[in-house]
C-alpha atoms as a PDB file:
ATOM      1  CA  UNK A   1       0.000   0.000   0.000  1.00  0.00           C
ATOM      2  CA  UNK A   2       1.624   3.257  -1.183  1.00  0.00           C
ATOM      3  CA  UNK A   3      -0.238   6.462  -0.328  1.00  0.00           C
ATOM      4  CA  UNK A   4       0.763  10.088  -0.808  1.00  0.00           C
ATOM      5  CA  UNK A   5      -1.318  11.468   2.046  1.00  0.00           C
ATOM      6  CA  UNK A   6      -2.021  10.401   5.617  1.00  0.00           C
ATOM      7  CA  UNK A   7      -5.332   8.666   6.266  1.00  0.00           C
ATOM      8  CA  UNK A   8      -7.874   8.053   8.998  1.00  0.00           C
ATOM      9  CA  UNK A   9     -11.379   6.617   9.130  1.00  0.00           C
ATOM     10  CA  UNK A  10     -14.194   8.781   7.757  1.00  0.00           C
ATOM     11  CA  UNK A  11     -16.534   8.058  10.676  1.00  0.00           C
ATOM     12  CA  UNK A  12     -16.710   5.939  13.803  1.00  0.00           C
ATOM     13  CA  UNK A  13     -16.833   2.177  13.270  1.00  0.00           C
ATOM     14  CA  UNK A  14     -18.051  -0.402  15.789  1.00  0.00           C
ATOM     15  CA  UNK A  15     -16.862  -4.008  15.555  1.00  0.00           C
ATOM     16  CA  UNK A  16     -17.936  -6.815  17.893  1.00  0.00           C
ATOM     17  CA  UNK A  17     -16.594 -10.321  18.363  1.00  0.00           C
ATOM     18  CA  UNK A  18     -14.758 -12.619  20.751  1.00  0.00           C
ATOM     19  CA  UNK A  19     -11.121 -12.850  21.746  1.00  0.00           C
ATOM     20  CA  UNK A  20      -9.297 -15.882  20.352  1.00  0.00           C
ATOM     21  CA  UNK A  21      -7.322 -16.516  23.536  1.00  0.00           C
ATOM     22  CA  UNK A  22      -9.495 -14.887  26.211  1.00  0.00           C
ATOM     23  CA  UNK A  23     -12.851 -16.109  24.921  1.00  0.00           C
ATOM     24  CA  UNK A  24     -14.285 -12.750  26.071  1.00  0.00           C
ATOM     25  CA  UNK A  25     -16.911 -10.791  24.171  1.00  0.00           C
ATOM     26  CA  UNK A  26     -15.348  -7.552  22.963  1.00  0.00           C
ATOM     27  CA  UNK A  27     -16.405  -4.344  21.270  1.00  0.00           C
ATOM     28  CA  UNK A  28     -14.106  -2.044  19.305  1.00  0.00           C
ATOM     29  CA  UNK A  29     -14.796   1.527  18.262  1.00  0.00           C
ATOM     30  CA  UNK A  30     -12.480   3.017  15.653  1.00  0.00           C
ATOM     31  CA  UNK A  31     -12.539   6.806  15.898  1.00  0.00           C
ATOM     32  CA  UNK A  32     -11.120   9.369  13.427  1.00  0.00           C
ATOM     33  CA  UNK A  33      -7.822  11.015  14.382  1.00  0.00           C
ATOM     34  CA  UNK A  34      -5.812  13.921  13.037  1.00  0.00           C
ATOM     35  CA  UNK A  35      -2.505  13.905  11.183  1.00  0.00           C
ATOM     36  CA  UNK A  36       0.540  12.682  13.130  1.00  0.00           C
ATOM     37  CA  UNK A  37      -1.626  11.366  15.986  1.00  0.00           C
ATOM     38  CA  UNK A  38      -0.799   7.791  15.009  1.00  0.00           C
ATOM     39  CA  UNK A  39      -2.611   4.582  15.888  1.00  0.00           C
ATOM     40  CA  UNK A  40      -3.653   4.373  19.538  1.00  0.00           C
ATOM     41  CA  UNK A  41      -5.602   1.791  21.532  1.00  0.00           C
ATOM     42  CA  UNK A  42      -7.719   3.139  24.371  1.00  0.00           C
ATOM     43  CA  UNK A  43      -8.803   0.852  27.215  1.00  0.00           C
ATOM     44  CA  UNK A  44     -10.148   1.863  30.622  1.00  0.00           C
ATOM     45  CA  UNK A  45      -9.107   5.438  29.897  1.00  0.00           C
ATOM     46  CA  UNK A  46      -5.489   4.448  29.197  1.00  0.00           C
ATOM     47  CA  UNK A  47      -4.075   5.383  25.794  1.00  0.00           C
ATOM     48  CA  UNK A  48      -1.669   2.731  24.503  1.00  0.00           C
ATOM     49  CA  UNK A  49       0.190   3.787  21.348  1.00  0.00           C
ATOM     50  CA  UNK A  50       0.512   1.012  18.764  1.00  0.00           C
ATOM     51  CA  UNK A  51       4.292   1.252  18.903  1.00  0.00           C
ATOM     52  CA  UNK A  52       6.978  -1.321  19.571  1.00  0.00           C
ATOM     53  CA  UNK A  53       7.900   0.458  22.809  1.00  0.00           C
ATOM     54  CA  UNK A  54       4.636  -0.840  24.269  1.00  0.00           C
ATOM     55  CA  UNK A  55       4.901  -4.436  22.977  1.00  0.00           C
ATOM     56  CA  UNK A  56       5.253  -6.671  26.035  1.00  0.00           C
ATOM     57  CA  UNK A  57       3.930 -10.133  25.154  1.00  0.00           C
ATOM     58  CA  UNK A  58       4.499 -12.510  22.245  1.00  0.00           C
ATOM     59  CA  UNK A  59       2.955 -15.877  23.197  1.00  0.00           C
ATOM     60  CA  UNK A  60       0.974 -16.843  20.074  1.00  0.00           C
ATOM     61  CA  UNK A  61       0.023 -13.167  19.505  1.00  0.00           C
ATOM     62  CA  UNK A  62       1.332  -9.664  20.105  1.00  0.00           C
ATOM     63  CA  UNK A  63       0.329  -7.809  23.272  1.00  0.00           C
ATOM     64  CA  UNK A  64       0.628  -4.077  23.942  1.00  0.00           C
ATOM     65  CA  UNK A  65       0.520  -2.679  27.475  1.00  0.00           C
ATOM     66  CA  UNK A  66       0.908   0.531  29.443  1.00  0.00           C
ATOM     67  CA  UNK A  67       0.468   1.284  33.153  1.00  0.00           C
ATOM     68  CA  UNK A  68      -0.785  -2.248  33.815  1.00  0.00           C
ATOM     69  CA  UNK A  69      -3.435  -2.124  31.077  1.00  0.00           C
ATOM     70  CA  UNK A  70      -3.004  -4.488  28.140  1.00  0.00           C
ATOM     71  CA  UNK A  71      -4.478  -5.217  24.721  1.00  0.00           C
ATOM     72  CA  UNK A  72      -3.508  -8.472  23.068  1.00  0.00           C
ATOM     73  CA  UNK A  73      -3.710 -10.002  19.582  1.00  0.00           C
ATOM     74  CA  UNK A  74      -3.328  -6.644  17.836  1.00  0.00           C
ATOM     75  CA  UNK A  75      -1.483  -7.942  14.760  1.00  0.00           C
ATOM     76  CA  UNK A  76      -4.443  -8.693  12.448  1.00  0.00           C
ATOM     77  CA  UNK A  77      -6.027  -5.278  13.010  1.00  0.00           C
ATOM     78  CA  UNK A  78      -2.629  -3.597  12.579  1.00  0.00           C
ATOM     79  CA  UNK A  79      -2.206  -5.416   9.243  1.00  0.00           C
ATOM     80  CA  UNK A  80      -5.698  -4.283   8.180  1.00  0.00           C
ATOM     81  CA  UNK A  81      -4.766  -0.676   8.961  1.00  0.00           C
ATOM     82  CA  UNK A  82      -1.570  -1.075   6.927  1.00  0.00           C
ATOM     83  CA  UNK A  83      -3.465  -2.538   3.953  1.00  0.00           C
ATOM     84  CA  UNK A  84      -5.979   0.339   3.995  1.00  0.00           C
ATOM     85  CA  UNK A  85      -3.259   2.967   4.409  1.00  0.00           C
ATOM     86  CA  UNK A  86      -4.588   4.236   7.754  1.00  0.00           C
ATOM     87  CA  UNK A  87      -1.956   5.805   9.991  1.00  0.00           C
ATOM     88  CA  UNK A  88      -4.109   7.816  12.413  1.00  0.00           C
ATOM     89  CA  UNK A  89      -6.965   6.312  14.441  1.00  0.00           C
ATOM     90  CA  UNK A  90      -8.116   5.800  18.015  1.00  0.00           C
ATOM     91  CA  UNK A  91      -9.277   2.266  18.834  1.00  0.00           C
ATOM     92  CA  UNK A  92     -11.448   2.087  21.932  1.00  0.00           C
ATOM     93  CA  UNK A  93     -11.714  -1.457  23.282  1.00  0.00           C
ATOM     94  CA  UNK A  94     -13.770  -2.731  26.212  1.00  0.00           C
ATOM     95  CA  UNK A  95     -11.894  -6.006  26.856  1.00  0.00           C
ATOM     96  CA  UNK A  96      -8.344  -7.324  26.936  1.00  0.00           C
ATOM     97  CA  UNK A  97      -8.156  -8.701  23.389  1.00  0.00           C
ATOM     98  CA  UNK A  98      -8.933  -7.558  19.851  1.00  0.00           C
ATOM     99  CA  UNK A  99     -11.725  -9.740  18.390  1.00  0.00           C
ATOM    100  CA  UNK A 100     -10.511 -12.561  16.192  1.00  0.00           C
ATOM    101  CA  UNK A 101     -13.491 -12.419  13.766  1.00  0.00           C
ATOM    102  CA  UNK A 102     -12.742 -15.070  11.113  1.00  0.00           C
ATOM    103  CA  UNK A 103      -9.063 -15.405  12.044  1.00  0.00           C
ATOM    104  CA  UNK A 104      -7.767 -13.162   9.239  1.00  0.00           C
ATOM    105  CA  UNK A 105      -7.686  -9.416   8.535  1.00  0.00           C
ATOM    106  CA  UNK A 106     -10.298  -9.332   5.775  1.00  0.00           C
ATOM    107  CA  UNK A 107     -13.339  -8.594   7.970  1.00  0.00           C
ATOM    108  CA  UNK A 108     -11.566  -5.602   9.528  1.00  0.00           C
ATOM    109  CA  UNK A 109     -10.749  -4.334   6.044  1.00  0.00           C
ATOM    110  CA  UNK A 110     -14.334  -4.742   4.835  1.00  0.00           C
ATOM    111  CA  UNK A 111     -15.653  -2.806   7.832  1.00  0.00           C
ATOM    112  CA  UNK A 112     -13.101  -0.031   7.270  1.00  0.00           C
ATOM    113  CA  UNK A 113     -13.997   0.263   3.599  1.00  0.00           C
ATOM    114  CA  UNK A 114     -17.711   0.180   4.343  1.00  0.00           C
ATOM    115  CA  UNK A 115     -17.376   3.103   6.764  1.00  0.00           C
ATOM    116  CA  UNK A 116     -15.032   4.989   4.454  1.00  0.00           C
ATOM    117  CA  UNK A 117     -11.455   6.227   4.610  1.00  0.00           C
ATOM    118  CA  UNK A 118     -10.651   9.921   4.949  1.00  0.00           C
ATOM    119  CA  UNK A 119      -7.554  11.405   3.314  1.00  0.00           C
ATOM    120  CA  UNK A 120      -5.851  14.148   5.325  1.00  0.00           C
ATOM    121  CA  UNK A 121      -3.898  17.100   3.941  1.00  0.00           C
ATOM    122  CA  UNK A 122      -0.511  16.117   5.348  1.00  0.00           C
ATOM    123  CA  UNK A 123       1.953  13.895   3.502  1.00  0.00           C
ATOM    124  CA  UNK A 124       2.365  10.303   4.598  1.00  0.00           C
ATOM    125  CA  UNK A 125       5.681   9.408   6.237  1.00  0.00           C
ATOM    126  CA  UNK A 126       7.583   6.195   5.476  1.00  0.00           C
ATOM    127  CA  UNK A 127      10.464   4.395   7.194  1.00  0.00           C
ATOM    128  CA  UNK A 128      12.992   3.815   4.402  1.00  0.00           C
ATOM    129  CA  UNK A 129      15.564   1.136   5.232  1.00  0.00           C
ATOM    130  CA  UNK A 130      19.076   2.446   4.663  1.00  0.00           C
ATOM    131  CA  UNK A 131      21.188  -0.620   5.442  1.00  0.00           C
ATOM    132  CA  UNK A 132      20.923  -4.369   5.882  1.00  0.00           C
ATOM    133  CA  UNK A 133      19.819  -5.461   9.347  1.00  0.00           C
ATOM    134  CA  UNK A 134      19.142  -8.913  10.792  1.00  0.00           C
ATOM    135  CA  UNK A 135      18.094 -10.729  13.959  1.00  0.00           C
ATOM    136  CA  UNK A 136      18.425 -14.422  14.783  1.00  0.00           C
ATOM    137  CA  UNK A 137      17.122 -16.903  17.334  1.00  0.00           C
ATOM    138  CA  UNK A 138      18.638 -20.336  16.807  1.00  0.00           C
ATOM    139  CA  UNK A 139      17.820 -21.384  13.254  1.00  0.00           C
ATOM    140  CA  UNK A 140      15.156 -18.650  12.925  1.00  0.00           C
ATOM    141  CA  UNK A 141      16.078 -15.285  11.450  1.00  0.00           C
ATOM    142  CA  UNK A 142      14.762 -12.103   9.832  1.00  0.00           C
ATOM    143  CA  UNK A 143      16.735  -9.950   7.381  1.00  0.00           C
ATOM    144  CA  UNK A 144      15.757  -6.485   6.160  1.00  0.00           C
ATOM    145  CA  UNK A 145      17.399  -4.806   3.170  1.00  0.00           C
ATOM    146  CA  UNK A 146      16.996  -1.451   1.383  1.00  0.00           C
ATOM    147  CA  UNK A 147      14.685  -1.593  -1.629  1.00  0.00           C
ATOM    148  CA  UNK A 148      12.595   0.753  -3.775  1.00  0.00           C
ATOM    149  CA  UNK A 149       9.281  -0.497  -2.328  1.00  0.00           C
ATOM    150  CA  UNK A 150       8.015  -2.830   0.396  1.00  0.00           C
ATOM    151  CA  UNK A 151       8.003  -6.604   0.235  1.00  0.00           C
ATOM    152  CA  UNK A 152       7.563  -9.175   2.981  1.00  0.00           C
ATOM    153  CA  UNK A 153       8.618 -12.819   2.592  1.00  0.00           C
ATOM    154  CA  UNK A 154       7.929 -15.687   4.957  1.00  0.00           C
ATOM    155  CA  UNK A 155       9.674 -19.036   4.615  1.00  0.00           C
ATOM    156  CA  UNK A 156       8.027 -21.843   6.596  1.00  0.00           C
ATOM    157  CA  UNK A 157       9.544 -25.237   7.219  1.00  0.00           C
ATOM    158  CA  UNK A 158       7.253 -27.782   8.887  1.00  0.00           C
ATOM    159  CA  UNK A 159       7.377 -31.552   9.133  1.00  0.00           C
ATOM    160  CA  UNK A 160       3.909 -31.537   7.641  1.00  0.00           C
ATOM    161  CA  UNK A 161       2.892 -32.348   4.084  1.00  0.00           C
ATOM    162  CA  UNK A 162       0.239 -29.607   3.891  1.00  0.00           C
ATOM    163  CA  UNK A 163       2.499 -26.755   4.973  1.00  0.00           C
ATOM    164  CA  UNK A 164       5.913 -28.342   4.435  1.00  0.00           C
ATOM    165  CA  UNK A 165       8.726 -26.160   3.098  1.00  0.00           C
ATOM    166  CA  UNK A 166       6.999 -23.134   1.559  1.00  0.00           C
ATOM    167  CA  UNK A 167       7.866 -19.528   0.864  1.00  0.00           C
ATOM    168  CA  UNK A 168       5.595 -16.638  -0.027  1.00  0.00           C
ATOM    169  CA  UNK A 169       6.341 -12.985  -0.843  1.00  0.00           C
ATOM    170  CA  UNK A 170       3.930 -10.074  -0.685  1.00  0.00           C
ATOM    171  CA  UNK A 171       4.916  -7.189  -3.008  1.00  0.00           C
ATOM    172  CA  UNK A 172       3.185  -3.981  -1.915  1.00  0.00           C
ATOM    173  CA  UNK A 173       3.184  -2.323  -5.346  1.00  0.00           C
ATOM    174  CA  UNK A 174       2.320  -5.392  -7.416  1.00  0.00           C
ATOM    175  CA  UNK A 175      -0.095  -7.629  -5.555  1.00  0.00           C
ATOM    176  CA  UNK A 176      -3.714  -7.670  -4.444  1.00  0.00           C
ATOM    177  CA  UNK A 177      -3.476  -7.488  -0.655  1.00  0.00           C
ATOM    178  CA  UNK A 178      -6.502  -9.794  -0.268  1.00  0.00           C
ATOM    179  CA  UNK A 179      -4.194 -12.727  -1.064  1.00  0.00           C
ATOM    180  CA  UNK A 180      -2.658 -12.124   2.354  1.00  0.00           C
ATOM    181  CA  UNK A 181      -5.518 -10.433   4.205  1.00  0.00           C
ATOM    182  CA  UNK A 182      -7.839 -13.454   3.797  1.00  0.00           C
ATOM    183  CA  UNK A 183      -5.358 -15.949   5.261  1.00  0.00           C
ATOM    184  CA  UNK A 184      -6.526 -17.271   8.648  1.00  0.00           C
ATOM    185  CA  UNK A 185      -4.564 -18.077  11.768  1.00  0.00           C
ATOM    186  CA  UNK A 186      -3.853 -21.763  12.306  1.00  0.00           C
ATOM    187  CA  UNK A 187      -2.732 -24.339  14.838  1.00  0.00           C
ATOM    188  CA  UNK A 188      -2.261 -28.078  15.215  1.00  0.00           C
ATOM    189  CA  UNK A 189      -4.776 -30.154  17.178  1.00  0.00           C
ATOM    190  CA  UNK A 190      -2.027 -31.465  19.450  1.00  0.00           C
ATOM    191  CA  UNK A 191      -1.242 -27.846  20.422  1.00  0.00           C
ATOM    192  CA  UNK A 192      -4.769 -27.039  21.562  1.00  0.00           C
ATOM    193  CA  UNK A 193      -4.500 -28.798  24.937  1.00  0.00           C
ATOM    194  CA  UNK A 194      -1.184 -27.054  25.638  1.00  0.00           C
ATOM    195  CA  UNK A 195      -2.642 -23.676  24.677  1.00  0.00           C
ATOM    196  CA  UNK A 196      -5.624 -24.196  26.957  1.00  0.00           C
ATOM    197  CA  UNK A 197      -3.347 -25.160  29.853  1.00  0.00           C
ATOM    198  CA  UNK A 198      -1.606 -21.821  29.272  1.00  0.00           C
ATOM    199  CA  UNK A 199      -4.993 -20.081  29.504  1.00  0.00           C
ATOM    200  CA  UNK A 200      -5.060 -19.457  25.750  1.00  0.00           C
ATOM    201  CA  UNK A 201      -7.331 -20.380  22.816  1.00  0.00           C
ATOM    202  CA  UNK A 202     -10.484 -20.165  24.973  1.00  0.00           C
ATOM    203  CA  UNK A 203     -12.360 -18.571  22.067  1.00  0.00           C
ATOM    204  CA  UNK A 204     -10.855 -20.673  19.306  1.00  0.00           C
ATOM    205  CA  UNK A 205     -13.012 -22.723  16.926  1.00  0.00           C
ATOM    206  CA  UNK A 206     -13.097 -23.930  13.349  1.00  0.00           C
ATOM    207  CA  UNK A 207     -14.931 -20.678  12.554  1.00  0.00           C
ATOM    208  CA  UNK A 208     -11.919 -18.502  13.396  1.00  0.00           C
ATOM    209  CA  UNK A 209      -8.859 -20.723  12.883  1.00  0.00           C
ATOM    210  CA  UNK A 210      -7.538 -23.431  10.611  1.00  0.00           C
ATOM    211  CA  UNK A 211      -6.819 -26.579  12.615  1.00  0.00           C
ATOM    212  CA  UNK A 212      -4.519 -29.353  11.406  1.00  0.00           C
ATOM    213  CA  UNK A 213      -4.519 -32.916  12.672  1.00  0.00           C
ATOM    214  CA  UNK A 214      -1.318 -34.285  11.230  1.00  0.00           C
ATOM    215  CA  UNK A 215      -1.605 -33.714   7.485  1.00  0.00           C
ATOM    216  CA  UNK A 216      -5.400 -33.281   7.599  1.00  0.00           C
ATOM    217  CA  UNK A 217      -7.260 -29.961   7.639  1.00  0.00           C
ATOM    218  CA  UNK A 218     -10.179 -30.334  10.066  1.00  0.00           C
ATOM    219  CA  UNK A 219     -12.134 -27.329   8.758  1.00  0.00           C
ATOM    220  CA  UNK A 220     -14.976 -28.641   6.551  1.00  0.00           C
ATOM    221  CA  UNK A 221     -14.350 -25.934   3.923  1.00  0.00           C
ATOM    222  CA  UNK A 222     -10.625 -26.689   3.761  1.00  0.00           C
ATOM    223  CA  UNK A 223      -8.015 -24.032   3.059  1.00  0.00           C
ATOM    224  CA  UNK A 224      -8.778 -20.741   1.313  1.00  0.00           C
ATOM    225  CA  UNK A 225      -5.424 -21.001  -0.482  1.00  0.00           C
ATOM    226  CA  UNK A 226      -3.068 -23.922  -0.871  1.00  0.00           C
ATOM    227  CA  UNK A 227      -0.444 -21.866   0.969  1.00  0.00           C
ATOM    228  CA  UNK A 228      -2.819 -20.175   3.441  1.00  0.00           C
ATOM    229  CA  UNK A 229      -0.677 -20.847   6.556  1.00  0.00           C
ATOM    230  CA  UNK A 230       2.402 -19.217   5.010  1.00  0.00           C
ATOM    231  CA  UNK A 231       0.343 -16.239   3.818  1.00  0.00           C
ATOM    232  CA  UNK A 232      -0.989 -15.842   7.351  1.00  0.00           C
ATOM    233  CA  UNK A 233       2.586 -15.677   8.643  1.00  0.00           C
ATOM    234  CA  UNK A 234       3.182 -12.834   6.172  1.00  0.00           C
ATOM    235  CA  UNK A 235       0.035 -11.159   7.538  1.00  0.00           C
ATOM    236  CA  UNK A 236       1.374 -11.427  11.101  1.00  0.00           C
ATOM    237  CA  UNK A 237       4.759 -10.085   9.993  1.00  0.00           C
ATOM    238  CA  UNK A 238       3.180  -7.042   8.325  1.00  0.00           C
ATOM    239  CA  UNK A 239       1.013  -6.330  11.377  1.00  0.00           C
ATOM    240  CA  UNK A 240       3.992  -6.520  13.721  1.00  0.00           C
ATOM    241  CA  UNK A 241       6.183  -4.402  11.415  1.00  0.00           C
ATOM    242  CA  UNK A 242       3.560  -1.647  11.544  1.00  0.00           C
ATOM    243  CA  UNK A 243       4.420  -1.252  15.253  1.00  0.00           C
ATOM    244  CA  UNK A 244       7.428   0.693  13.986  1.00  0.00           C
ATOM    245  CA  UNK A 245       4.907   3.518  13.668  1.00  0.00           C
ATOM    246  CA  UNK A 246       5.420   3.980   9.931  1.00  0.00           C
ATOM    247  CA  UNK A 247       5.046   1.744   6.863  1.00  0.00           C
ATOM    248  CA  UNK A 248       8.380   0.280   5.795  1.00  0.00           C
ATOM    249  CA  UNK A 249      10.075   0.798   2.441  1.00  0.00           C
ATOM    250  CA  UNK A 250      12.454  -2.129   2.030  1.00  0.00           C
ATOM    251  CA  UNK A 251      12.435  -5.913   1.704  1.00  0.00           C
ATOM    252  CA  UNK A 252      11.956  -8.083   4.784  1.00  0.00           C
ATOM    253  CA  UNK A 253      12.648 -11.834   4.749  1.00  0.00           C
ATOM    254  CA  UNK A 254      11.640 -14.069   7.660  1.00  0.00           C
ATOM    255  CA  UNK A 255      12.723 -17.686   8.027  1.00  0.00           C
ATOM    256  CA  UNK A 256      10.500 -19.450  10.603  1.00  0.00           C
ATOM    257  CA  UNK A 257      10.050 -16.201  12.540  1.00  0.00           C
ATOM    258  CA  UNK A 258       7.220 -15.409  14.933  1.00  0.00           C
ATOM    259  CA  UNK A 259       5.877 -12.492  16.954  1.00  0.00           C
ATOM    260  CA  UNK A 260       8.834 -12.367  19.361  1.00  0.00           C
ATOM    261  CA  UNK A 261      11.406 -12.311  16.561  1.00  0.00           C
ATOM    262  CA  UNK A 262       9.311  -9.773  14.618  1.00  0.00           C
ATOM    263  CA  UNK A 263       9.434  -7.474  17.649  1.00  0.00           C
ATOM    264  CA  UNK A 264      13.186  -7.988  18.040  1.00  0.00           C
ATOM    265  CA  UNK A 265      13.625  -7.002  14.403  1.00  0.00           C
ATOM    266  CA  UNK A 266      11.589  -3.800  14.768  1.00  0.00           C
ATOM    267  CA  UNK A 267      13.505  -2.878  17.927  1.00  0.00           C
ATOM    268  CA  UNK A 268      16.805  -3.447  16.139  1.00  0.00           C
ATOM    269  CA  UNK A 269      15.711  -1.218  13.256  1.00  0.00           C
ATOM    270  CA  UNK A 270      15.286   1.554  15.799  1.00  0.00           C
ATOM    271  CA  UNK A 271      18.398   0.743  17.857  1.00  0.00           C
ATOM    272  CA  UNK A 272      20.671   0.549  14.805  1.00  0.00           C
ATOM    273  CA  UNK A 273      19.197   3.639  13.092  1.00  0.00           C
ATOM    274  CA  UNK A 274      18.556   1.386  10.112  1.00  0.00           C
ATOM    275  CA  UNK A 275      15.930   3.633   8.498  1.00  0.00           C
ATOM    276  CA  UNK A 276      15.271   7.232   7.570  1.00  0.00           C
ATOM    277  CA  UNK A 277      11.884   8.910   7.783  1.00  0.00           C
ATOM    278  CA  UNK A 278      10.880  10.288   4.387  1.00  0.00           C
ATOM    279  CA  UNK A 279       7.703  11.878   3.094  1.00  0.00           C
ATOM    280  CA  UNK A 280       5.722  10.206   0.329  1.00  0.00           C
ATOM    281  CA  UNK A 281       7.084  12.583  -2.329  1.00  0.00           C
ATOM    282  CA  UNK A 282      10.649  11.822  -1.240  1.00  0.00           C
ATOM    283  CA  UNK A 283       9.975   8.077  -1.326  1.00  0.00           C
ATOM    284  CA  UNK A 284       8.421   8.326  -4.783  1.00  0.00           C
ATOM    285  CA  UNK A 285      11.512  10.117  -6.056  1.00  0.00           C
ATOM    286  CA  UNK A 286      13.782   7.597  -4.366  1.00  0.00           C
ATOM    287  CA  UNK A 287      11.945   4.704  -5.972  1.00  0.00           C
ATOM    288  CA  UNK A 288      12.294   6.242  -9.425  1.00  0.00           C
ATOM    289  CA  UNK A 289      16.014   6.834  -8.937  1.00  0.00           C
ATOM    290  CA  UNK A 290      16.582   3.247  -7.835  1.00  0.00           C
ATOM    291  CA  UNK A 291      14.579   1.834 -10.719  1.00  0.00           C
ATOM    292  CA  UNK A 292      16.540   3.932 -13.214  1.00  0.00           C
ATOM    293  CA  UNK A 293      19.855   3.013 -11.604  1.00  0.00           C
END
């Protein structure tokens, strides 16, 4: 998604559902915001900026917290805001977890489009990678490199014939984002008992997650795409990257990464000064120069 101007929602949007891990009923209200206000969650009167500085939990989702107040499983909504080009919005939430809806980002996107998107006068700001940066955890790693646009690649390697060894790349300027946005979260049946012992997956069902038993997909409708699990990992990566506070211009490659490694990567981008903030017109010029070169 490449936009010249900053965006917010045109009017208030209300979204209801249940939390995947908490099982709680939850209501969201997305409220228009002005330029440079950013994306902010609001719970119990506490404003929690959707920034990596406030990311505190990474067990099967990404959690933001401030002053003892937390909001978990923010990544699908963050990806939906990225795909719709929204950089300024207040998100009031009356429970501890963003609703899972169908397990993807597409329902958030449909609600946003239905309500309308408002273009502001101020130029959009991008984080342009200026050097190669990487993080590693055992055999898992993420590498970011300078590029003329944004791409996100996920490489999965499972001992499973359905997922197996697969790689998928989302190209922001070339591809229909619905290929990624429609991909649902997934788990293996043998993980469910462990998750529930951890107090997680209380709201999970075949209506909001893909469940594998060995090499079998338990959902009656099957997969939406042959490579749906890998596309969902790209969705999670994009949502977590947006916690940088700006859309990235550069290529990001993840091998077996997850929420914790995604957060480590974003923190390293900041710690290593691996990006420059540029306005949309500067990015457009940069892209042209790189393509010509």
